[in-house]
Structures are given as C-alpha cells and as structure tokens.
C-alpha cells in the first residue's frame, strides 16, 4: 500500500513539473516599435509582445524550456534564460 501511494505522489510531482515549464527571456528592443509575434512552445501557438525602446523580460508559459519565435526575418529558437536583441524587426543573440 505504501508503495502505491509513493508511486502516485511521485507521478503527480513529475507531471506537475512539466505543467510549470516556461521560457524566461531577457530582451533589448532597440526599435521604437512594439512587436507582437507568434510563438510555438510545446506544440502550442501563442502570441508574445516585445515592448519598443526598452530592456525588459518576458515569460512564455508552456510545457517546454525552449520555444520558436516567428518573426518577419524567420524562425528563431529561444531557450530558457536567454538574452536576445531586437533590431530592425529581427532577433539576434546578445
């Protein structure tokens, strides 16, 4: 009986960790324009806004520690705790 309870608690703990996964991004937007781009995380599409002319951060909720941001310049894969720069509507690392 104790073993079944232990396994149930262990499974609950493991699955709750997946649900809390997210991608935290620090960014600098050198453009005065605010961008709203599509983002795919763990197979789910969402939209994320990057405010203009600022240094800030954004957290993208989902079941993964990486995601893909779709910009007019192409797809950009981002991992958790990454620093990016936005210039002329394009993303670069830095």
PDB file of N, CA and C in Angstrom:
ATOM      1  N   UNK A   1       0.823  -1.197   0.000  1.00  0.00           N
ATOM      2  CA  UNK A   1       0.000   0.000   0.000  1.00  0.00           C
ATOM      3  C   UNK A   1       0.865   1.257   0.000  1.00  0.00           C
ATOM      4  N   UNK A   2       1.908   1.256   0.827  1.00  0.00           N
ATOM      5  CA  UNK A   2       2.787   2.427   0.884  1.00  0.00           C
ATOM      6  C   UNK A   2       3.471   2.658  -0.455  1.00  0.00           C
ATOM      7  N   UNK A   3       3.800   1.560  -1.125  1.00  0.00           N
ATOM      8  CA  UNK A   3       4.479   1.683  -2.416  1.00  0.00           C
ATOM      9  C   UNK A   3       3.557   2.353  -3.445  1.00  0.00           C
ATOM     10  N   UNK A   4       2.277   1.986  -3.460  1.00  0.00           N
ATOM     11  CA  UNK A   4       1.318   2.595  -4.388  1.00  0.00           C
ATOM     12  C   UNK A   4       1.147   4.082  -4.121  1.00  0.00           C
ATOM     13  N   UNK A   5       1.086   4.450  -2.869  1.00  0.00           N
ATOM     14  CA  UNK A   5       0.961   5.867  -2.515  1.00  0.00           C
ATOM     15  C   UNK A   5       2.222   6.613  -2.939  1.00  0.00           C
ATOM     16  N   UNK A   6       3.377   6.027  -2.695  1.00  0.00           N
ATOM     17  CA  UNK A   6       4.635   6.653  -3.092  1.00  0.00           C
ATOM     18  C   UNK A   6       4.694   6.861  -4.603  1.00  0.00           C
ATOM     19  N   UNK A   7       4.316   5.843  -5.373  1.00  0.00           N
ATOM     20  CA  UNK A   7       4.324   5.953  -6.834  1.00  0.00           C
ATOM     21  C   UNK A   7       3.338   7.015  -7.316  1.00  0.00           C
ATOM     22  N   UNK A   8       2.182   7.091  -6.698  1.00  0.00           N
ATOM     23  CA  UNK A   8       1.190   8.090  -7.085  1.00  0.00           C
ATOM     24  C   UNK A   8       1.700   9.503  -6.812  1.00  0.00           C
ATOM     25  N   UNK A   9       2.317   9.714  -5.668  1.00  0.00           N
ATOM     26  CA  UNK A   9       2.877  11.020  -5.333  1.00  0.00           C
ATOM     27  C   UNK A   9       4.031  11.369  -6.273  1.00  0.00           C
ATOM     28  N   UNK A  10       4.860  10.394  -6.577  1.00  0.00           N
ATOM     29  CA  UNK A  10       5.979  10.616  -7.488  1.00  0.00           C
ATOM     30  C   UNK A  10       5.481  11.013  -8.880  1.00  0.00           C
ATOM     31  N   UNK A  11       4.488  10.330  -9.396  1.00  0.00           N
ATOM     32  CA  UNK A  11       3.936  10.655 -10.713  1.00  0.00           C
ATOM     33  C   UNK A  11       3.304  12.042 -10.709  1.00  0.00           C
ATOM     34  N   UNK A  12       2.591  12.387  -9.665  1.00  0.00           N
ATOM     35  CA  UNK A  12       1.991  13.715  -9.555  1.00  0.00           C
ATOM     36  C   UNK A  12       3.065  14.794  -9.562  1.00  0.00           C
ATOM     37  N   UNK A  13       4.132  14.568  -8.842  1.00  0.00           N
ATOM     38  CA  UNK A  13       5.249  15.520  -8.786  1.00  0.00           C
ATOM     39  C   UNK A  13       5.891  15.687 -10.153  1.00  0.00           C
ATOM     40  N   UNK A  14       6.127  14.591 -10.861  1.00  0.00           N
ATOM     41  CA  UNK A  14       6.757  14.659 -12.179  1.00  0.00           C
ATOM     42  C   UNK A  14       5.880  15.386 -13.188  1.00  0.00           C
ATOM     43  N   UNK A  15       4.591  15.089 -13.203  1.00  0.00           N
ATOM     44  CA  UNK A  15       3.688  15.729 -14.160  1.00  0.00           C
ATOM     45  C   UNK A  15       3.449  17.194 -13.821  1.00  0.00           C
ATOM     46  N   UNK A  16       3.454  17.563 -12.563  1.00  0.00           N
ATOM     47  CA  UNK A  16       3.267  18.965 -12.207  1.00  0.00           C
ATOM     48  C   UNK A  16       4.485  19.789 -12.615  1.00  0.00           C
ATOM     49  N   UNK A  17       5.665  19.196 -12.657  1.00  0.00           N
ATOM     50  CA  UNK A  17       6.863  19.891 -13.113  1.00  0.00           C
ATOM     51  C   UNK A  17       6.785  20.230 -14.580  1.00  0.00           C
ATOM     52  N   UNK A  18       6.200  19.362 -15.375  1.00  0.00           N
ATOM     53  CA  UNK A  18       6.038  19.625 -16.803  1.00  0.00           C
ATOM     54  C   UNK A  18       5.065  20.780 -17.009  1.00  0.00           C
ATOM     55  N   UNK A  19       4.006  20.827 -16.244  1.00  0.00           N
ATOM     56  CA  UNK A  19       2.999  21.873 -16.407  1.00  0.00           C
ATOM     57  C   UNK A  19       3.550  23.245 -16.056  1.00  0.00           C
ATOM     58  N   UNK A  20       4.557  23.307 -15.197  1.00  0.00           N
ATOM     59  CA  UNK A  20       5.118  24.586 -14.784  1.00  0.00           C
ATOM     60  C   UNK A  20       6.246  25.049 -15.689  1.00  0.00           C
ATOM     61  N   UNK A  21       6.624  24.283 -16.675  1.00  0.00           N
ATOM     62  CA  UNK A  21       7.716  24.663 -17.552  1.00  0.00           C
ATOM     63  C   UNK A  21       7.366  25.937 -18.295  1.00  0.00           C
ATOM     64  N   UNK A  22       8.383  26.772 -18.477  1.00  0.00           N
ATOM     65  CA  UNK A  22       8.196  28.021 -19.199  1.00  0.00           C
ATOM     66  C   UNK A  22       9.549  28.483 -19.727  1.00  0.00           C
ATOM     67  N   UNK A  23       9.514  29.487 -20.585  1.00  0.00           N
ATOM     68  CA  UNK A  23      10.735  30.063 -21.133  1.00  0.00           C
ATOM     69  C   UNK A  23      10.808  31.519 -20.684  1.00  0.00           C
ATOM     70  N   UNK A  24      11.871  31.858 -19.981  1.00  0.00           N
ATOM     71  CA  UNK A  24      12.112  33.217 -19.498  1.00  0.00           C
ATOM     72  C   UNK A  24      13.160  33.848 -20.413  1.00  0.00           C
ATOM     73  N   UNK A  25      12.812  34.977 -21.040  1.00  0.00           N
ATOM     74  CA  UNK A  25      13.701  35.643 -21.992  1.00  0.00           C
ATOM     75  C   UNK A  25      13.959  37.066 -21.526  1.00  0.00           C
ATOM     76  N   UNK A  26      15.223  37.453 -21.519  1.00  0.00           N
ATOM     77  CA  UNK A  26      15.597  38.847 -21.295  1.00  0.00           C
ATOM     78  C   UNK A  26      15.841  39.452 -22.673  1.00  0.00           C
ATOM     79  N   UNK A  27      15.297  40.645 -22.920  1.00  0.00           N
ATOM     80  CA  UNK A  27      15.465  41.219 -24.246  1.00  0.00           C
ATOM     81  C   UNK A  27      15.740  42.717 -24.204  1.00  0.00           C
ATOM     82  N   UNK A  28      16.405  43.181 -25.249  1.00  0.00           N
ATOM     83  CA  UNK A  28      16.582  44.606 -25.505  1.00  0.00           C
ATOM     84  C   UNK A  28      15.980  44.881 -26.876  1.00  0.00           C
ATOM     85  N   UNK A  29      14.991  45.758 -26.940  1.00  0.00           N
ATOM     86  CA  UNK A  29      14.375  46.132 -28.205  1.00  0.00           C
ATOM     87  C   UNK A  29      14.895  47.511 -28.575  1.00  0.00           C
ATOM     88  N   UNK A  30      15.794  47.560 -29.545  1.00  0.00           N
ATOM     89  CA  UNK A  30      16.380  48.818 -29.994  1.00  0.00           C
ATOM     90  C   UNK A  30      15.471  49.601 -30.925  1.00  0.00           C
ATOM     91  N   UNK A  31      14.352  49.015 -31.331  1.00  0.00           N
ATOM     92  CA  UNK A  31      13.397  49.688 -32.198  1.00  0.00           C
ATOM     93  C   UNK A  31      12.353  50.408 -31.348  1.00  0.00           C
ATOM     94  N   UNK A  32      11.815  51.490 -31.864  1.00  0.00           N
ATOM     95  CA  UNK A  32      10.769  52.213 -31.133  1.00  0.00           C
ATOM     96  C   UNK A  32       9.416  51.501 -31.251  1.00  0.00           C
ATOM     97  N   UNK A  33       9.317  50.544 -32.134  1.00  0.00           N
ATOM     98  CA  UNK A  33       8.078  49.812 -32.373  1.00  0.00           C
ATOM     99  C   UNK A  33       7.926  48.640 -31.399  1.00  0.00           C
ATOM    100  N   UNK A  34       6.713  48.430 -30.928  1.00  0.00           N
ATOM    101  CA  UNK A  34       6.380  47.254 -30.127  1.00  0.00           C
ATOM    102  C   UNK A  34       5.999  46.132 -31.087  1.00  0.00           C
ATOM    103  N   UNK A  35       6.594  44.968 -30.904  1.00  0.00           N
ATOM    104  CA  UNK A  35       6.327  43.821 -31.768  1.00  0.00           C
ATOM    105  C   UNK A  35       5.495  42.779 -31.039  1.00  0.00           C
ATOM    106  N   UNK A  36       4.535  42.212 -31.748  1.00  0.00           N
ATOM    107  CA  UNK A  36       3.776  41.074 -31.255  1.00  0.00           C
ATOM    108  C   UNK A  36       3.976  39.947 -32.258  1.00  0.00           C
ATOM    109  N   UNK A  37       4.636  38.884 -31.819  1.00  0.00           N
ATOM    110  CA  UNK A  37       4.984  37.780 -32.706  1.00  0.00           C
ATOM    111  C   UNK A  37       4.375  36.482 -32.211  1.00  0.00           C
ATOM    112  N   UNK A  38       4.147  35.564 -33.158  1.00  0.00           N
ATOM    113  CA  UNK A  38       3.677  34.220 -32.829  1.00  0.00           C
ATOM    114  C   UNK A  38       4.822  33.423 -32.230  1.00  0.00           C
ATOM    115  N   UNK A  39       4.496  32.615 -31.242  1.00  0.00           N
ATOM    116  CA  UNK A  39       5.482  31.764 -30.570  1.00  0.00           C
ATOM    117  C   UNK A  39       4.897  30.370 -30.445  1.00  0.00           C
ATOM    118  N   UNK A  40       5.714  29.376 -30.713  1.00  0.00           N
ATOM    119  CA  UNK A  40       5.296  27.985 -30.557  1.00  0.00           C
ATOM    120  C   UNK A  40       6.087  27.368 -29.416  1.00  0.00           C
ATOM    121  N   UNK A  41       5.375  26.898 -28.393  1.00  0.00           N
ATOM    122  CA  UNK A  41       6.011  26.252 -27.249  1.00  0.00           C
ATOM    123  C   UNK A  41       5.264  24.959 -26.960  1.00  0.00           C
ATOM    124  N   UNK A  42       5.988  23.865 -26.947  1.00  0.00           N
ATOM    125  CA  UNK A  42       5.431  22.530 -26.692  1.00  0.00           C
ATOM    126  C   UNK A  42       4.260  22.228 -27.621  1.00  0.00           C
ATOM    127  N   UNK A  43       4.377  22.661 -28.884  1.00  0.00           N
ATOM    128  CA  UNK A  43       3.350  22.375 -29.874  1.00  0.00           C
ATOM    129  C   UNK A  43       2.155  23.301 -29.849  1.00  0.00           C
ATOM    130  N   UNK A  44       2.156  24.283 -28.961  1.00  0.00           N
ATOM    131  CA  UNK A  44       1.032  25.199 -28.819  1.00  0.00           C
ATOM    132  C   UNK A  44       1.447  26.590 -29.300  1.00  0.00           C
ATOM    133  N   UNK A  45       0.617  27.213 -30.123  1.00  0.00           N
ATOM    134  CA  UNK A  45       0.890  28.554 -30.617  1.00  0.00           C
ATOM    135  C   UNK A  45       0.306  29.594 -29.662  1.00  0.00           C
ATOM    136  N   UNK A  46       1.055  30.659 -29.443  1.00  0.00           N
ATOM    137  CA  UNK A  46       0.610  31.783 -28.625  1.00  0.00           C
ATOM    138  C   UNK A  46       1.220  33.049 -29.202  1.00  0.00           C
ATOM    139  N   UNK A  47       0.886  34.192 -28.660  1.00  0.00           N
ATOM    140  CA  UNK A  47       1.460  35.460 -29.101  1.00  0.00           C
ATOM    141  C   UNK A  47       2.194  36.093 -27.929  1.00  0.00           C
ATOM    142  N   UNK A  48       3.321  36.738 -28.245  1.00  0.00           N
ATOM    143  CA  UNK A  48       4.117  37.401 -27.217  1.00  0.00           C
ATOM    144  C   UNK A  48       4.431  38.814 -27.696  1.00  0.00           C
ATOM    145  N   UNK A  49       4.334  39.769 -26.779  1.00  0.00           N
ATOM    146  CA  UNK A  49       4.601  41.169 -27.098  1.00  0.00           C
ATOM    147  C   UNK A  49       5.956  41.587 -26.534  1.00  0.00           C
ATOM    148  N   UNK A  50       6.750  42.246 -27.385  1.00  0.00           N
ATOM    149  CA  UNK A  50       8.037  42.801 -27.001  1.00  0.00           C
ATOM    150  C   UNK A  50       7.933  44.312 -27.121  1.00  0.00           C
ATOM    151  N   UNK A  51       7.924  45.008 -25.987  1.00  0.00           N
ATOM    152  CA  UNK A  51       7.749  46.449 -25.971  1.00  0.00           C
ATOM    153  C   UNK A  51       8.885  47.188 -26.657  1.00  0.00           C
ATOM    154  N   UNK A  52       8.557  48.322 -27.263  1.00  0.00           N
ATOM    155  CA  UNK A  52       9.531  49.097 -28.007  1.00  0.00           C
ATOM    156  C   UNK A  52      10.446  49.934 -27.131  1.00  0.00           C
ATOM    157  N   UNK A  53      11.673  50.141 -27.594  1.00  0.00           N
ATOM    158  CA  UNK A  53      12.676  51.012 -26.950  1.00  0.00           C
ATOM    159  C   UNK A  53      12.860  50.695 -25.471  1.00  0.00           C
ATOM    160  N   UNK A  54      13.130  49.451 -25.167  1.00  0.00           N
ATOM    161  CA  UNK A  54      13.313  49.099 -23.754  1.00  0.00           C
ATOM    162  C   UNK A  54      14.124  47.823 -23.572  1.00  0.00           C
ATOM    163  N   UNK A  55      14.618  47.688 -22.376  1.00  0.00           N
ATOM    164  CA  UNK A  55      15.211  46.442 -21.907  1.00  0.00           C
ATOM    165  C   UNK A  55      14.213  45.858 -20.922  1.00  0.00           C
ATOM    166  N   UNK A  56      13.829  44.616 -21.136  1.00  0.00           N
ATOM    167  CA  UNK A  56      12.809  44.011 -20.289  1.00  0.00           C
ATOM    168  C   UNK A  56      12.947  42.496 -20.340  1.00  0.00           C
ATOM    169  N   UNK A  57      11.933  41.823 -19.854  1.00  0.00           N
ATOM    170  CA  UNK A  57      11.906  40.359 -19.903  1.00  0.00           C
ATOM    171  C   UNK A  57      10.482  39.907 -20.129  1.00  0.00           C
ATOM    172  N   UNK A  58      10.364  38.674 -20.583  1.00  0.00           N
ATOM    173  CA  UNK A  58       9.051  38.080 -20.826  1.00  0.00           C
ATOM    174  C   UNK A  58       9.134  36.597 -20.463  1.00  0.00           C
ATOM    175  N   UNK A  59       8.062  36.082 -19.912  1.00  0.00           N
ATOM    176  CA  UNK A  59       7.964  34.658 -19.605  1.00  0.00           C
ATOM    177  C   UNK A  59       6.873  34.060 -20.471  1.00  0.00           C
ATOM    178  N   UNK A  60       7.240  33.016 -21.204  1.00  0.00           N
ATOM    179  CA  UNK A  60       6.297  32.330 -22.083  1.00  0.00           C
ATOM    180  C   UNK A  60       5.922  31.022 -21.402  1.00  0.00           C
ATOM    181  N   UNK A  61       4.670  30.907 -20.998  1.00  0.00           N
ATOM    182  CA  UNK A  61       4.195  29.724 -20.287  1.00  0.00           C
ATOM    183  C   UNK A  61       3.961  28.579 -21.259  1.00  0.00           C
ATOM    184  N   UNK A  62       4.341  27.392 -20.850  1.00  0.00           N
ATOM    185  CA  UNK A  62       4.121  26.211 -21.687  1.00  0.00           C
ATOM    186  C   UNK A  62       4.780  25.004 -21.075  1.00  0.00           C
ATOM    187  N   UNK A  63       4.799  23.929 -21.800  1.00  0.00           N
ATOM    188  CA  UNK A  63       5.331  22.676 -21.286  1.00  0.00           C
ATOM    189  C   UNK A  63       6.727  22.377 -21.772  1.00  0.00           C
ATOM    190  N   UNK A  64       7.550  23.407 -21.998  1.00  0.00           N
ATOM    191  CA  UNK A  64       8.885  23.180 -22.529  1.00  0.00           C
ATOM    192  C   UNK A  64       9.829  24.274 -22.016  1.00  0.00           C
ATOM    193  N   UNK A  65      11.124  24.020 -22.135  1.00  0.00           N
ATOM    194  CA  UNK A  65      12.105  25.029 -21.733  1.00  0.00           C
ATOM    195  C   UNK A  65      12.737  25.702 -22.955  1.00  0.00           C
ATOM    196  N   UNK A  66      12.140  25.480 -24.128  1.00  0.00           N
ATOM    197  CA  UNK A  66      12.550  26.210 -25.323  1.00  0.00           C
ATOM    198  C   UNK A  66      11.329  26.444 -26.202  1.00  0.00           C
ATOM    199  N   UNK A  67      11.439  27.427 -27.106  1.00  0.00           N
ATOM    200  CA  UNK A  67      10.318  27.761 -27.976  1.00  0.00           C
ATOM    201  C   UNK A  67      10.847  28.343 -29.279  1.00  0.00           C
ATOM    202  N   UNK A  68       9.950  28.549 -30.223  1.00  0.00           N
ATOM    203  CA  UNK A  68      10.307  29.142 -31.505  1.00  0.00           C
ATOM    204  C   UNK A  68       9.499  30.422 -31.665  1.00  0.00           C
ATOM    205  N   UNK A  69      10.200  31.530 -31.948  1.00  0.00           N
ATOM    206  CA  UNK A  69       9.556  32.808 -32.202  1.00  0.00           C
ATOM    207  C   UNK A  69       9.544  33.011 -33.715  1.00  0.00           C
ATOM    208  N   UNK A  70       8.372  33.337 -34.263  1.00  0.00           N
ATOM    209  CA  UNK A  70       8.225  33.548 -35.702  1.00  0.00           C
ATOM    210  C   UNK A  70       8.226  35.050 -35.983  1.00  0.00           C
ATOM    211  N   UNK A  71       9.276  35.539 -36.646  1.00  0.00           N
ATOM    212  CA  UNK A  71       9.407  36.954 -36.991  1.00  0.00           C
ATOM    213  C   UNK A  71       9.406  37.094 -38.513  1.00  0.00           C
ATOM    214  N   UNK A  72       9.277  38.313 -39.029  1.00  0.00           N
ATOM    215  CA  UNK A  72       9.385  38.518 -40.478  1.00  0.00           C
ATOM    216  C   UNK A  72      10.763  38.115 -41.024  1.00  0.00           C
ATOM    217  N   UNK A  73      11.765  38.066 -40.161  1.00  0.00           N
ATOM    218  CA  UNK A  73      13.120  37.668 -40.562  1.00  0.00           C
ATOM    219  C   UNK A  73      13.318  36.156 -40.519  1.00  0.00           C
ATOM    220  N   UNK A  74      12.320  35.415 -40.063  1.00  0.00           N
ATOM    221  CA  UNK A  74      12.412  33.963 -39.987  1.00  0.00           C
ATOM    222  C   UNK A  74      12.144  33.441 -38.594  1.00  0.00           C
ATOM    223  N   UNK A  75      12.337  32.141 -38.434  1.00  0.00           N
ATOM    224  CA  UNK A  75      12.136  31.484 -37.139  1.00  0.00           C
ATOM    225  C   UNK A  75      13.389  31.642 -36.290  1.00  0.00           C
ATOM    226  N   UNK A  76      13.195  31.815 -34.969  1.00  0.00           N
ATOM    227  CA  UNK A  76      14.313  31.964 -34.051  1.00  0.00           C
ATOM    228  C   UNK A  76      14.045  31.100 -32.837  1.00  0.00           C
ATOM    229  N   UNK A  77      14.897  30.105 -32.581  1.00  0.00           N
ATOM    230  CA  UNK A  77      14.728  29.215 -31.436  1.00  0.00           C
ATOM    231  C   UNK A  77      15.346  29.852 -30.199  1.00  0.00           C
ATOM    232  N   UNK A  78      14.578  29.878 -29.129  1.00  0.00           N
ATOM    233  CA  UNK A  78      14.987  30.506 -27.876  1.00  0.00           C
ATOM    234  C   UNK A  78      14.893  29.488 -26.757  1.00  0.00           C
ATOM    235  N   UNK A  79      15.896  29.469 -25.894  1.00  0.00           N
ATOM    236  CA  UNK A  79      15.907  28.591 -24.719  1.00  0.00           C
ATOM    237  C   UNK A  79      15.700  29.411 -23.456  1.00  0.00           C
ATOM    238  N   UNK A  80      15.373  28.745 -22.380  1.00  0.00           N
ATOM    239  CA  UNK A  80      15.143  29.405 -21.105  1.00  0.00           C
ATOM    240  C   UNK A  80      16.352  30.221 -20.670  1.00  0.00           C
ATOM    241  N   UNK A  81      16.099  31.407 -20.134  1.00  0.00           N
ATOM    242  CA  UNK A  81      17.095  32.325 -19.574  1.00  0.00           C
ATOM    243  C   UNK A  81      18.071  32.855 -20.636  1.00  0.00           C
ATOM    244  N   UNK A  82      17.580  33.005 -21.858  1.00  0.00           N
ATOM    245  CA  UNK A  82      18.392  33.505 -22.961  1.00  0.00           C
ATOM    246  C   UNK A  82      18.252  35.027 -23.056  1.00  0.00           C
ATOM    247  N   UNK A  83      19.305  35.693 -23.512  1.00  0.00           N
ATOM    248  CA  UNK A  83      19.271  37.137 -23.744  1.00  0.00           C
ATOM    249  C   UNK A  83      19.263  37.376 -25.249  1.00  0.00           C
ATOM    250  N   UNK A  84      18.279  38.172 -25.705  1.00  0.00           N
ATOM    251  CA  UNK A  84      18.171  38.457 -27.128  1.00  0.00           C
ATOM    252  C   UNK A  84      18.133  39.970 -27.362  1.00  0.00           C
ATOM    253  N   UNK A  85      18.444  40.361 -28.591  1.00  0.00           N
ATOM    254  CA  UNK A  85      18.375  41.758 -29.015  1.00  0.00           C
ATOM    255  C   UNK A  85      17.461  41.834 -30.229  1.00  0.00           C
ATOM    256  N   UNK A  86      16.595  42.814 -30.235  1.00  0.00           N
ATOM    257  CA  UNK A  86      15.707  43.048 -31.367  1.00  0.00           C
ATOM    258  C   UNK A  86      16.136  44.341 -32.034  1.00  0.00           C
ATOM    259  N   UNK A  87      16.453  44.261 -33.307  1.00  0.00           N
ATOM    260  CA  UNK A  87      16.880  45.435 -34.084  1.00  0.00           C
ATOM    261  C   UNK A  87      16.343  45.286 -35.504  1.00  0.00           C
ATOM    262  N   UNK A  88      15.710  46.327 -36.013  1.00  0.00           N
ATOM    263  CA  UNK A  88      15.102  46.323 -37.349  1.00  0.00           C
ATOM    264  C   UNK A  88      14.130  45.156 -37.543  1.00  0.00           C
ATOM    265  N   UNK A  89      13.427  44.812 -36.487  1.00  0.00           N
ATOM    266  CA  UNK A  89      12.423  43.752 -36.563  1.00  0.00           C
ATOM    267  C   UNK A  89      12.976  42.338 -36.582  1.00  0.00           C
ATOM    268  N   UNK A  90      14.288  42.187 -36.336  1.00  0.00           N
ATOM    269  CA  UNK A  90      14.922  40.869 -36.339  1.00  0.00           C
ATOM    270  C   UNK A  90      15.528  40.576 -34.966  1.00  0.00           C
ATOM    271  N   UNK A  91      15.613  39.309 -34.625  1.00  0.00           N
ATOM    272  CA  UNK A  91      16.163  38.876 -33.344  1.00  0.00           C
ATOM    273  C   UNK A  91      17.578  38.356 -33.552  1.00  0.00           C
ATOM    274  N   UNK A  92      18.455  38.706 -32.614  1.00  0.00           N
ATOM    275  CA  UNK A  92      19.804  38.147 -32.577  1.00  0.00           C
ATOM    276  C   UNK A  92      20.154  37.825 -31.128  1.00  0.00           C
ATOM    277  N   UNK A  93      21.136  36.986 -30.929  1.00  0.00           N
ATOM    278  CA  UNK A  93      21.577  36.623 -29.579  1.00  0.00           C
ATOM    279  C   UNK A  93      22.450  37.754 -29.049  1.00  0.00           C
ATOM    280  N   UNK A  94      22.236  38.099 -27.810  1.00  0.00           N
ATOM    281  CA  UNK A  94      23.087  39.126 -27.223  1.00  0.00           C
ATOM    282  C   UNK A  94      22.400  39.986 -26.328  1.00  0.00           C
TER     283      UNK A  94
END
